[in-house]
């Protein structure tokens, strides 16, 4: 129930004398006024942002979430550091890098090149050099497909006259592609981001394998079916992760807008394609049993996840946007916030490199935290809609700025999930999205397998081949999760 401090021009005695219905009505009015005030503050902040854009404050990768690829290389601001006087390339004293020779016994062929006569006097030369100069040439063998024919004989029973056909051996697919060929097609599309027509062209022109785009789709679906149990295993293991980095990017399935989500754990990374950016996706993937820390940006759908770590890389760009503003008050606070932010990153780098202990790291972060929160509070009560709209939510949820200080293993940015998502972003730009639900399932599956294998330093070609071999035989798929 409201009280006299809520702005109602009545004393406590006068309010108590009012009928219950009137007091309930006034209580509802007070709540609605509070909601409207919050909405007005948000609209003012949006209005200030639009005014800043009209005033010439252009969004760049340095002061917003605009991707770096959207900016032409020649349009980038000049470097603040002076140009080095050193020549390009390797510098004197740098470690030498050379391709080492493999053992002679590992070579497929050894050719002895002996001189027949002396280069000075022409005298005939014989014998062997016990330590010859070794020169090795690497070459790619002529690629020819290995074709195995299985002849299924149909025999007639002499007793009843019934015809019986021989079965294919276990593990032989019904289609005309073996496990390694299916794995290669899957990786060409998912890992190397080639179109179906280019994959078919590569198979025909390089491998000598007759192929069509339609057959590529068929092999893609086989790869999805073989790798789907591995994908499900990774998804089911995510709720047990103590720290999960999450990010999302727009995608398309046909003409329908989708979202590609990336969930980065300590041992695996999962991708999910869904037609929504709402928090329902978080509940579907992580569930109610998740009790860890979510490393993310400041999008509101993450608020339901409990303990968060907001990305300071995003904050740094937002503070730079304040500095780029034409409003003097906004510019001043942006500079004030940028100074402790840069010190924070410096302290974090020293701690991450092992220069600082955990205790010393926390000790150095304490005054930085106090300074940042004081500036945020100043912005919230500045009366400037641009500052209030940004600083208010930051101060209200200020604990989510410093989770990385309290919880070991949490970083101040979500760069890990953004790097994992970059492969999917490039894939979407090249392919313009998927055309069906089957294509979406392939994308999220192969991206999960690719990124998890990279994360665990495993060879993705070997893993995919093993999974497809198991699929053809009918045995369980290999595990994408490392076993203890």
Protein backbone atom coordinates (compact mmCIF):
# COMPACT_ATOMS: atom_id res chain seq x y z
CA UNK A 1 0.00 0.00 0.00
CA UNK A 2 1.22 3.54 -0.76
CA UNK A 3 2.27 6.03 1.88
CA UNK A 4 2.54 9.78 2.13
CA UNK A 5 5.99 9.79 0.49
CA UNK A 6 4.53 8.48 -2.79
CA UNK A 7 3.38 11.96 -3.77
CA UNK A 8 -0.20 11.73 -2.46
CA UNK A 9 -1.18 15.15 -0.93
CA UNK A 10 -2.85 13.58 2.13
CA UNK A 11 -1.64 12.94 5.65
CA UNK A 12 -1.53 9.44 7.08
CA UNK A 13 -4.63 10.17 9.20
CA UNK A 14 -6.58 11.42 6.19
CA UNK A 15 -5.62 8.37 4.17
CA UNK A 16 -6.66 6.05 6.97
CA UNK A 17 -10.07 7.71 7.07
CA UNK A 18 -10.73 7.02 3.40
CA UNK A 19 -12.81 3.99 2.40
CA UNK A 20 -10.88 0.83 1.48
CA UNK A 21 -11.99 0.97 -2.15
CA UNK A 22 -10.72 4.53 -2.54
CA UNK A 23 -7.37 3.61 -1.03
CA UNK A 24 -7.01 0.64 -3.38
CA UNK A 25 -7.84 2.86 -6.33
CA UNK A 26 -5.26 5.45 -5.26
CA UNK A 27 -2.69 2.65 -4.78
CA UNK A 28 -3.29 1.46 -8.35
CA UNK A 29 -2.94 5.03 -9.62
CA UNK A 30 0.40 5.45 -7.84
CA UNK A 31 1.77 2.26 -9.38
CA UNK A 32 0.63 3.33 -12.84
CA UNK A 33 2.25 6.73 -12.39
CA UNK A 34 5.53 5.03 -11.45
CA UNK A 35 5.39 2.80 -14.52
CA UNK A 36 4.63 5.77 -16.74
CA UNK A 37 7.55 7.71 -15.28
CA UNK A 38 9.91 4.82 -16.10
CA UNK A 39 8.51 4.59 -19.60
CA UNK A 40 8.91 8.34 -20.09
CA UNK A 41 12.55 8.16 -18.95
CA UNK A 42 13.23 5.36 -21.44
CA UNK A 43 11.55 7.27 -24.26
CA UNK A 44 13.54 10.37 -23.40
CA UNK A 45 16.75 8.35 -23.56
CA UNK A 46 15.75 6.98 -26.98
CA UNK A 47 14.86 10.47 -28.12
CA UNK A 48 18.23 11.77 -26.94
CA UNK A 49 19.96 9.01 -28.86
CA UNK A 50 18.07 9.85 -32.03
CA UNK A 51 18.86 13.54 -31.56
CA UNK A 52 22.52 12.66 -31.15
CA UNK A 53 22.41 10.74 -34.44
CA UNK A 54 20.80 13.72 -36.18
CA UNK A 55 23.46 15.96 -34.67
CA UNK A 56 26.15 13.99 -36.49
CA UNK A 57 27.25 11.39 -33.92
CA UNK A 58 27.80 8.49 -36.29
CA UNK A 59 27.74 4.92 -35.00
CA UNK A 60 31.01 3.08 -35.58
CA UNK A 61 32.47 -0.23 -34.35
CA UNK A 62 34.37 1.80 -31.76
CA UNK A 63 31.29 3.35 -30.07
CA UNK A 64 28.50 0.83 -30.80
CA UNK A 65 27.79 -2.80 -31.64
CA UNK A 66 28.07 -2.15 -35.37
CA UNK A 67 30.18 -5.01 -36.81
CA UNK A 68 33.73 -4.07 -37.93
CA UNK A 69 33.01 -5.52 -41.40
CA UNK A 70 30.47 -2.74 -42.01
CA UNK A 71 33.23 -0.12 -42.02
CA UNK A 72 35.47 0.32 -45.03
CA UNK A 73 39.18 -0.16 -44.17
CA UNK A 74 40.02 3.30 -45.53
CA UNK A 75 37.29 4.88 -43.39
CA UNK A 76 38.80 3.71 -40.12
CA UNK A 77 40.25 6.40 -37.86
CA UNK A 78 44.03 6.83 -38.04
CA UNK A 79 46.14 5.02 -35.50
CA UNK A 80 47.06 6.94 -32.39
CA UNK A 81 50.50 5.35 -32.26
CA UNK A 82 53.23 6.77 -34.46
CA UNK A 83 54.24 4.66 -37.43
CA UNK A 84 57.17 2.36 -36.76
CA UNK A 85 60.42 3.01 -38.62
CA UNK A 86 61.09 -0.73 -38.93
CA UNK A 87 60.75 -2.42 -42.29
CA UNK A 88 57.90 -4.82 -42.91
CA UNK A 89 58.48 -8.53 -42.38
CA UNK A 90 60.71 -10.49 -40.02
CA UNK A 91 63.02 -8.47 -37.81
CA UNK A 92 66.70 -9.27 -37.13
CA UNK A 93 67.05 -11.76 -34.31
CA UNK A 94 63.56 -13.26 -34.55
CA UNK A 95 63.36 -17.08 -34.25
CA UNK A 96 63.81 -18.85 -37.56
CA UNK A 97 60.88 -20.85 -38.88
CA UNK A 98 61.57 -23.58 -41.41
CA UNK A 99 59.91 -26.78 -42.55
CA UNK A 100 61.84 -29.67 -41.07
CA UNK A 101 62.75 -32.66 -43.19
CA UNK A 102 60.96 -35.90 -42.41
CA UNK A 103 62.97 -39.11 -41.89
CA UNK A 104 64.20 -40.73 -45.10
CA UNK A 105 62.39 -43.97 -44.31
CA UNK A 106 59.08 -42.08 -44.28
CA UNK A 107 59.51 -40.91 -47.88
CA UNK A 108 57.62 -42.82 -50.57
CA UNK A 109 60.58 -42.61 -52.96
CA UNK A 110 64.29 -41.79 -52.59
CA UNK A 111 66.23 -40.67 -55.66
CA UNK A 112 70.03 -40.56 -55.51
CA UNK A 113 71.47 -37.65 -57.54
CA UNK A 114 75.22 -38.40 -58.03
CA UNK A 115 77.66 -36.37 -60.11
CA UNK A 116 79.27 -38.35 -62.92
CA UNK A 117 82.45 -36.25 -63.24
CA UNK A 118 84.45 -33.61 -61.39
CA UNK A 119 83.21 -30.11 -62.03
CA UNK A 120 86.82 -28.82 -62.25
CA UNK A 121 88.89 -31.36 -64.15
CA UNK A 122 86.26 -33.72 -65.58
CA UNK A 123 87.61 -36.85 -63.83
CA UNK A 124 84.99 -39.62 -63.44
CA UNK A 125 83.49 -39.86 -59.93
CA UNK A 126 82.30 -42.99 -58.11
CA UNK A 127 81.21 -43.97 -54.61
CA UNK A 128 78.62 -42.70 -52.12
CA UNK A 129 78.39 -39.67 -49.85
CA UNK A 130 77.78 -40.90 -46.27
CA UNK A 131 75.96 -37.64 -45.45
CA UNK A 132 74.30 -36.35 -48.66
CA UNK A 133 72.48 -33.06 -48.94
CA UNK A 134 68.79 -33.88 -48.55
CA UNK A 135 66.16 -32.10 -50.62
CA UNK A 136 62.51 -33.13 -50.23
CA UNK A 137 59.62 -32.33 -52.57
CA UNK A 138 56.05 -32.55 -51.34
CA UNK A 139 53.39 -33.39 -53.91
CA UNK A 140 49.73 -34.23 -53.87
CA UNK A 141 49.00 -37.65 -55.36
CA UNK A 142 46.62 -37.98 -58.26
CA UNK A 143 43.17 -38.11 -56.71
CA UNK A 144 41.04 -40.99 -57.86
CA UNK A 145 37.89 -42.20 -56.11
CA UNK A 146 37.98 -45.68 -54.61
CA UNK A 147 34.98 -47.57 -55.99
CA UNK A 148 33.96 -50.87 -54.40
CA UNK A 149 31.31 -52.95 -56.11
CA UNK A 150 29.06 -55.24 -54.09
CA UNK A 151 27.39 -57.92 -56.20
CA UNK A 152 24.20 -59.11 -54.55
CA UNK A 153 23.38 -62.48 -56.01
CA UNK A 154 19.77 -63.59 -56.28
CA UNK A 155 19.50 -67.34 -55.94
CA UNK A 156 16.47 -69.55 -56.50
CA UNK A 157 15.62 -72.19 -53.90
CA UNK A 158 15.55 -75.64 -55.57
CA UNK A 159 12.87 -76.76 -53.11
CA UNK A 160 10.18 -74.08 -53.14
CA UNK A 161 11.37 -71.88 -55.99
CA UNK A 162 11.59 -68.71 -53.83
CA UNK A 163 14.22 -66.13 -54.88
CA UNK A 164 16.55 -64.79 -52.15
CA UNK A 165 18.94 -61.84 -52.63
CA UNK A 166 22.20 -61.50 -50.71
CA UNK A 167 22.44 -58.74 -48.06
CA UNK A 168 25.06 -56.00 -48.03
CA UNK A 169 27.80 -56.48 -45.40
CA UNK A 170 27.31 -54.55 -42.11
CA UNK A 171 28.29 -50.90 -42.38
CA UNK A 172 27.80 -50.62 -46.15
CA UNK A 173 25.41 -47.67 -46.82
CA UNK A 174 22.40 -47.97 -49.08
CA UNK A 175 23.52 -44.85 -50.94
CA UNK A 176 26.59 -44.61 -53.15
CA UNK A 177 28.72 -42.54 -50.74
CA UNK A 178 31.08 -43.98 -48.15
CA UNK A 179 31.67 -42.49 -44.68
CA UNK A 180 34.68 -40.35 -45.61
CA UNK A 181 32.93 -38.93 -48.67
CA UNK A 182 29.87 -38.00 -46.59
CA UNK A 183 32.11 -36.45 -43.93
CA UNK A 184 33.97 -34.44 -46.57
CA UNK A 185 30.71 -33.09 -48.03
CA UNK A 186 29.47 -32.14 -44.55
CA UNK A 187 32.68 -30.29 -43.72
CA UNK A 188 32.88 -28.53 -47.08
CA UNK A 189 29.46 -26.99 -46.42
CA UNK A 190 29.57 -26.53 -42.64
CA UNK A 191 33.23 -25.86 -41.82
CA UNK A 192 34.54 -24.43 -45.09
CA UNK A 193 31.29 -22.59 -45.87
CA UNK A 194 30.85 -23.72 -49.48
CA UNK A 195 27.55 -23.75 -51.34
CA UNK A 196 25.95 -26.97 -52.53
CA UNK A 197 26.80 -26.20 -56.15
CA UNK A 198 30.43 -25.49 -55.34
CA UNK A 199 30.68 -28.70 -53.32
CA UNK A 200 29.27 -30.65 -56.26
CA UNK A 201 31.73 -28.88 -58.58
CA UNK A 202 34.66 -29.70 -56.27
CA UNK A 203 33.69 -33.37 -56.12
CA UNK A 204 33.46 -33.58 -59.90
CA UNK A 205 36.48 -31.49 -60.90
CA UNK A 206 38.95 -32.39 -58.14
CA UNK A 207 37.90 -35.81 -56.84
CA UNK A 208 36.49 -37.21 -60.07
CA UNK A 209 33.26 -38.06 -58.25
CA UNK A 210 30.05 -37.55 -60.27
CA UNK A 211 27.81 -35.34 -58.18
CA UNK A 212 24.81 -33.01 -58.30
CA UNK A 213 23.51 -30.39 -55.82
CA UNK A 214 20.55 -32.68 -55.04
CA UNK A 215 22.89 -35.50 -54.05
CA UNK A 216 24.83 -33.07 -51.86
CA UNK A 217 21.58 -32.34 -49.98
CA UNK A 218 21.02 -36.07 -49.49
CA UNK A 219 24.53 -36.51 -48.04
CA UNK A 220 23.97 -33.43 -45.86
CA UNK A 221 20.88 -35.04 -44.34
CA UNK A 222 22.84 -38.24 -43.68
CA UNK A 223 25.49 -36.20 -41.88
CA UNK A 224 22.85 -34.46 -39.77
CA UNK A 225 21.30 -37.79 -38.75
CA UNK A 226 24.71 -39.22 -37.83
CA UNK A 227 25.83 -36.20 -35.79
CA UNK A 228 22.51 -35.35 -34.13
CA UNK A 229 23.08 -37.64 -31.09
CA UNK A 230 26.41 -35.85 -30.51
CA UNK A 231 24.60 -32.51 -30.68
CA UNK A 232 21.94 -33.66 -28.22
CA UNK A 233 24.65 -34.80 -25.80
CA UNK A 234 26.23 -31.33 -25.79
CA UNK A 235 22.87 -29.61 -25.27
CA UNK A 236 22.02 -31.87 -22.32
CA UNK A 237 25.39 -31.17 -20.67
CA UNK A 238 25.05 -27.35 -20.76
CA UNK A 239 22.91 -26.93 -17.59
CA UNK A 240 25.72 -28.47 -15.53
CA UNK A 241 28.26 -25.88 -16.72
CA UNK A 242 29.33 -23.37 -14.01
CA UNK A 243 29.87 -20.57 -16.55
CA UNK A 244 28.14 -20.17 -19.92
CA UNK A 245 28.81 -17.40 -22.41
CA UNK A 246 25.77 -16.61 -24.56
CA UNK A 247 25.31 -14.46 -27.63
CA UNK A 248 22.87 -14.37 -30.54
CA UNK A 249 22.70 -13.01 -34.06
CA UNK A 250 19.93 -12.63 -36.68
CA UNK A 251 19.48 -15.48 -39.15
CA UNK A 252 16.92 -16.62 -41.72
CA UNK A 253 15.02 -19.78 -42.58
CA UNK A 254 13.47 -19.11 -45.94
CA UNK A 255 11.65 -15.79 -45.59
CA UNK A 256 11.20 -16.13 -41.82
CA UNK A 257 13.58 -14.32 -39.48
CA UNK A 258 15.44 -16.62 -37.10
CA UNK A 259 18.07 -16.20 -34.42
CA UNK A 260 21.30 -18.18 -34.13
CA UNK A 261 22.22 -18.61 -30.45
CA UNK A 262 25.67 -19.63 -29.22
CA UNK A 263 26.13 -21.23 -25.78
CA UNK A 264 29.81 -21.49 -24.86
CA UNK A 265 30.79 -23.71 -21.93
CA UNK A 266 34.17 -24.80 -20.62
CA UNK A 267 34.37 -28.03 -22.69
CA UNK A 268 31.81 -27.57 -25.46
CA UNK A 269 29.88 -25.04 -27.52
CA UNK A 270 26.29 -25.47 -28.70
CA UNK A 271 24.39 -23.56 -31.38
CA UNK A 272 20.61 -23.27 -31.52
CA UNK A 273 18.47 -21.83 -34.33
CA UNK A 274 15.10 -20.54 -33.16
CA UNK A 275 12.50 -18.11 -34.58
CA UNK A 276 12.66 -15.91 -31.47
CA UNK A 277 15.09 -13.90 -29.39
CA UNK A 278 12.98 -14.24 -26.25
CA UNK A 279 14.03 -15.73 -22.92
CA UNK A 280 12.06 -18.88 -23.73
CA UNK A 281 15.10 -20.12 -25.66
CA UNK A 282 17.24 -19.78 -22.53
CA UNK A 283 14.71 -21.80 -20.55
CA UNK A 284 14.58 -24.46 -23.28
CA UNK A 285 18.36 -24.91 -23.46
CA UNK A 286 19.53 -24.31 -19.89
CA UNK A 287 16.34 -25.12 -18.00
CA UNK A 288 15.46 -24.29 -14.41
CA UNK A 289 18.28 -26.44 -13.00
CA UNK A 290 21.01 -24.08 -14.24
CA UNK A 291 22.68 -22.32 -11.31
CA UNK A 292 25.84 -21.00 -12.95
CA UNK A 293 26.91 -17.59 -14.24
CA UNK A 294 25.83 -16.27 -17.64
CA UNK A 295 28.35 -14.08 -19.46
CA UNK A 296 26.38 -11.89 -21.86
CA UNK A 297 25.55 -8.43 -23.12
CA UNK A 298 22.88 -6.25 -21.49
CA UNK A 299 19.87 -7.52 -23.46
CA UNK A 300 16.86 -7.81 -21.15
CA UNK A 301 16.00 -11.45 -22.00
CA UNK A 302 19.01 -12.48 -19.91
CA UNK A 303 17.63 -10.87 -16.74
CA UNK A 304 15.76 -14.08 -15.85
CA UNK A 305 18.98 -16.12 -15.60
CA UNK A 306 19.90 -15.02 -12.09
CA UNK A 307 23.61 -14.23 -11.84
CA UNK A 308 25.04 -12.43 -14.85
CA UNK A 309 28.31 -10.91 -15.96
CA UNK A 310 27.71 -8.00 -18.28
CA UNK A 311 30.24 -7.54 -21.05
CA UNK A 312 32.67 -4.70 -20.41
CA UNK A 313 33.70 -4.61 -24.08
CA UNK A 314 30.14 -3.47 -24.88
CA UNK A 315 30.32 -0.97 -22.01
CA UNK A 316 33.58 0.43 -23.30
CA UNK A 317 32.00 1.09 -26.68
CA UNK A 318 29.00 2.73 -24.97
CA UNK A 319 31.31 4.99 -22.98
CA UNK A 320 33.10 5.91 -26.20
CA UNK A 321 29.71 6.85 -27.68
CA UNK A 322 29.25 9.25 -24.75
CA UNK A 323 32.66 10.75 -25.44
CA UNK A 324 31.73 11.23 -29.12
CA UNK A 325 28.57 13.14 -28.16
CA UNK A 326 28.22 16.86 -28.86
CA UNK A 327 26.61 17.35 -25.42
CA UNK A 328 29.30 18.63 -23.03
CA UNK A 329 27.75 16.99 -19.97
CA UNK A 330 27.49 13.63 -21.74
CA UNK A 331 31.04 13.91 -23.08
CA UNK A 332 32.44 14.70 -19.62
CA UNK A 333 30.81 11.69 -17.95
CA UNK A 334 31.92 9.45 -20.82
CA UNK A 335 35.54 10.43 -20.22
CA UNK A 336 35.16 9.97 -16.47
CA UNK A 337 33.78 6.45 -16.98
CA UNK A 338 36.40 5.51 -19.58
CA UNK A 339 39.36 6.16 -17.25
CA UNK A 340 38.53 3.51 -14.60
CA UNK A 341 37.38 1.16 -17.37
CA UNK A 342 40.81 1.22 -18.97
CA UNK A 343 42.44 0.67 -15.56
CA UNK A 344 40.09 -2.27 -14.98
CA UNK A 345 41.18 -3.94 -18.22
CA UNK A 346 44.82 -3.35 -17.32
CA UNK A 347 44.40 -4.96 -13.90
CA UNK A 348 42.48 -7.86 -15.43
CA UNK A 349 45.23 -8.45 -18.01
CA UNK A 350 47.86 -8.60 -15.26
CA UNK A 351 45.74 -11.06 -13.28
CA UNK A 352 45.00 -13.22 -16.32
CA UNK A 353 48.72 -13.40 -17.17
CA UNK A 354 49.57 -14.49 -13.64
CA UNK A 355 51.28 -11.25 -12.65
CA UNK A 356 48.72 -10.61 -9.88
CA UNK A 357 47.39 -13.00 -7.27
CA UNK A 358 43.66 -13.40 -6.75
CA UNK A 359 43.79 -11.50 -3.47
CA UNK A 360 45.76 -8.60 -4.96
CA UNK A 361 43.42 -8.53 -7.98
CA UNK A 362 40.37 -8.10 -5.73
CA UNK A 363 42.17 -5.44 -3.72
CA UNK A 364 43.00 -3.36 -6.82
CA UNK A 365 39.49 -3.74 -8.22
CA UNK A 366 37.78 -2.31 -5.14
CA UNK A 367 38.61 1.40 -5.72
CA UNK A 368 37.86 1.01 -9.44
CA UNK A 369 34.42 -0.37 -8.60
CA UNK A 370 33.70 2.47 -6.20
CA UNK A 371 34.74 5.06 -8.77
CA UNK A 372 32.65 3.57 -11.58
CA UNK A 373 29.54 3.27 -9.40
CA UNK A 374 29.93 6.85 -8.21
CA UNK A 375 30.01 8.08 -11.81
CA UNK A 376 26.99 5.94 -12.71
CA UNK A 377 25.09 7.43 -9.77
CA UNK A 378 26.05 10.90 -10.93
CA UNK A 379 24.70 10.12 -14.39
CA UNK A 380 21.45 8.72 -13.00
CA UNK A 381 20.72 11.97 -11.13
CA UNK A 382 22.18 14.30 -13.77
CA UNK A 383 18.78 15.27 -15.19
CA UNK A 384 20.11 14.48 -18.68
CA UNK A 385 17.83 11.90 -20.38
CA UNK A 386 20.75 10.44 -22.36
CA UNK A 387 22.71 9.73 -19.19
CA UNK A 388 19.73 8.66 -17.12
CA UNK A 389 18.65 6.09 -19.68
CA UNK A 390 22.05 4.37 -19.62
CA UNK A 391 23.38 4.97 -16.11
CA UNK A 392 20.14 4.14 -14.27
CA UNK A 393 19.89 0.46 -15.30
CA UNK A 394 23.66 0.05 -14.90
CA UNK A 395 23.59 1.31 -11.35
CA UNK A 396 20.44 -0.63 -10.45
CA UNK A 397 22.12 -3.87 -11.58
CA UNK A 398 25.68 -2.90 -10.67
CA UNK A 399 26.41 -6.30 -9.12
CA UNK A 400 26.28 -7.78 -12.63
CA UNK A 401 29.24 -5.59 -13.57
CA UNK A 402 31.59 -7.21 -11.04
CA UNK A 403 30.74 -10.91 -11.02
CA UNK A 404 34.14 -11.63 -12.59
CA UNK A 405 35.76 -10.19 -9.47
CA UNK A 406 33.78 -12.40 -7.10
CA UNK A 407 33.62 -15.66 -9.10
CA UNK A 408 36.85 -17.25 -10.27
CA UNK A 409 36.85 -18.30 -13.91
CA UNK A 410 34.44 -15.59 -15.09
CA UNK A 411 35.85 -13.00 -17.49
CA UNK A 412 34.80 -9.35 -17.83
CA UNK A 413 33.70 -9.78 -21.47
CA UNK A 414 31.71 -12.26 -23.54
CA UNK A 415 34.30 -12.24 -26.32
CA UNK A 416 34.43 -16.05 -26.21
CA UNK A 417 30.82 -16.41 -27.32
CA UNK A 418 31.22 -13.65 -29.90
CA UNK A 419 34.25 -15.41 -31.42
CA UNK A 420 32.34 -18.70 -31.50
CA UNK A 421 29.42 -16.99 -33.20
CA UNK A 422 31.58 -15.37 -35.85
CA UNK A 423 31.83 -18.59 -37.92
CA UNK A 424 28.04 -18.77 -38.03
CA UNK A 425 27.80 -15.08 -38.97
CA UNK A 426 30.15 -15.54 -41.93
CA UNK A 427 28.25 -18.69 -42.97
CA UNK A 428 24.97 -16.72 -42.93
CA UNK A 429 26.42 -13.85 -44.96
CA UNK A 430 27.67 -16.24 -47.63
CA UNK A 431 24.57 -18.44 -47.77
CA UNK A 432 21.84 -15.90 -46.83
CA UNK A 433 20.46 -18.39 -44.29
CA UNK A 434 18.74 -21.73 -44.71
CA UNK A 435 15.71 -22.70 -46.77
CA UNK A 436 14.09 -25.37 -44.58
CA UNK A 437 13.93 -26.80 -41.08
CA UNK A 438 16.24 -29.63 -42.20
CA UNK A 439 18.81 -27.05 -43.29
CA UNK A 440 18.55 -25.27 -39.94
CA UNK A 441 19.11 -28.52 -38.06
CA UNK A 442 22.20 -29.19 -40.20
CA UNK A 443 23.62 -25.73 -39.50
CA UNK A 444 23.22 -25.87 -35.72
CA UNK A 445 24.55 -29.44 -35.64
CA UNK A 446 27.67 -28.97 -37.76
CA UNK A 447 28.50 -25.61 -36.12
CA UNK A 448 28.30 -27.32 -32.72
CA UNK A 449 30.56 -30.17 -33.83
CA UNK A 450 33.02 -27.83 -35.55
CA UNK A 451 33.36 -25.38 -32.65
CA UNK A 452 33.47 -28.05 -29.94
CA UNK A 453 36.22 -29.97 -31.78
CA UNK A 454 38.18 -26.73 -32.18
CA UNK A 455 37.68 -25.96 -28.50
CA UNK A 456 39.00 -29.40 -27.51
CA UNK A 457 41.77 -29.40 -30.18
CA UNK A 458 40.29 -32.46 -31.88
CA UNK A 459 40.40 -33.18 -35.63
CA UNK A 460 36.89 -32.52 -36.87
CA UNK A 461 37.33 -34.65 -40.02
CA UNK A 462 38.27 -37.71 -37.98
CA UNK A 463 35.38 -37.19 -35.57
CA UNK A 464 32.75 -36.69 -38.27
CA UNK A 465 34.00 -39.74 -40.19
CA UNK A 466 33.83 -41.90 -37.07
CA UNK A 467 30.29 -40.67 -36.33
CA UNK A 468 29.10 -41.46 -39.86
CA UNK A 469 30.73 -44.91 -39.78
CA UNK A 470 28.88 -45.63 -36.52
CA UNK A 471 25.64 -44.40 -38.11
CA UNK A 472 26.01 -46.77 -41.07
CA UNK A 473 26.79 -49.73 -38.80
CA UNK A 474 23.99 -48.85 -36.38
CA UNK A 475 26.26 -48.48 -33.34
CA UNK A 476 26.16 -45.56 -30.84
CA UNK A 477 27.67 -42.29 -31.99
CA UNK A 478 31.02 -41.17 -30.51
CA UNK A 479 30.95 -38.69 -27.66
CA UNK A 480 31.72 -35.01 -28.19
CA UNK A 481 32.39 -34.59 -24.49
CA UNK A 482 35.78 -35.55 -23.04
CA UNK A 483 35.63 -38.52 -20.70
CA UNK A 484 37.36 -38.55 -17.32
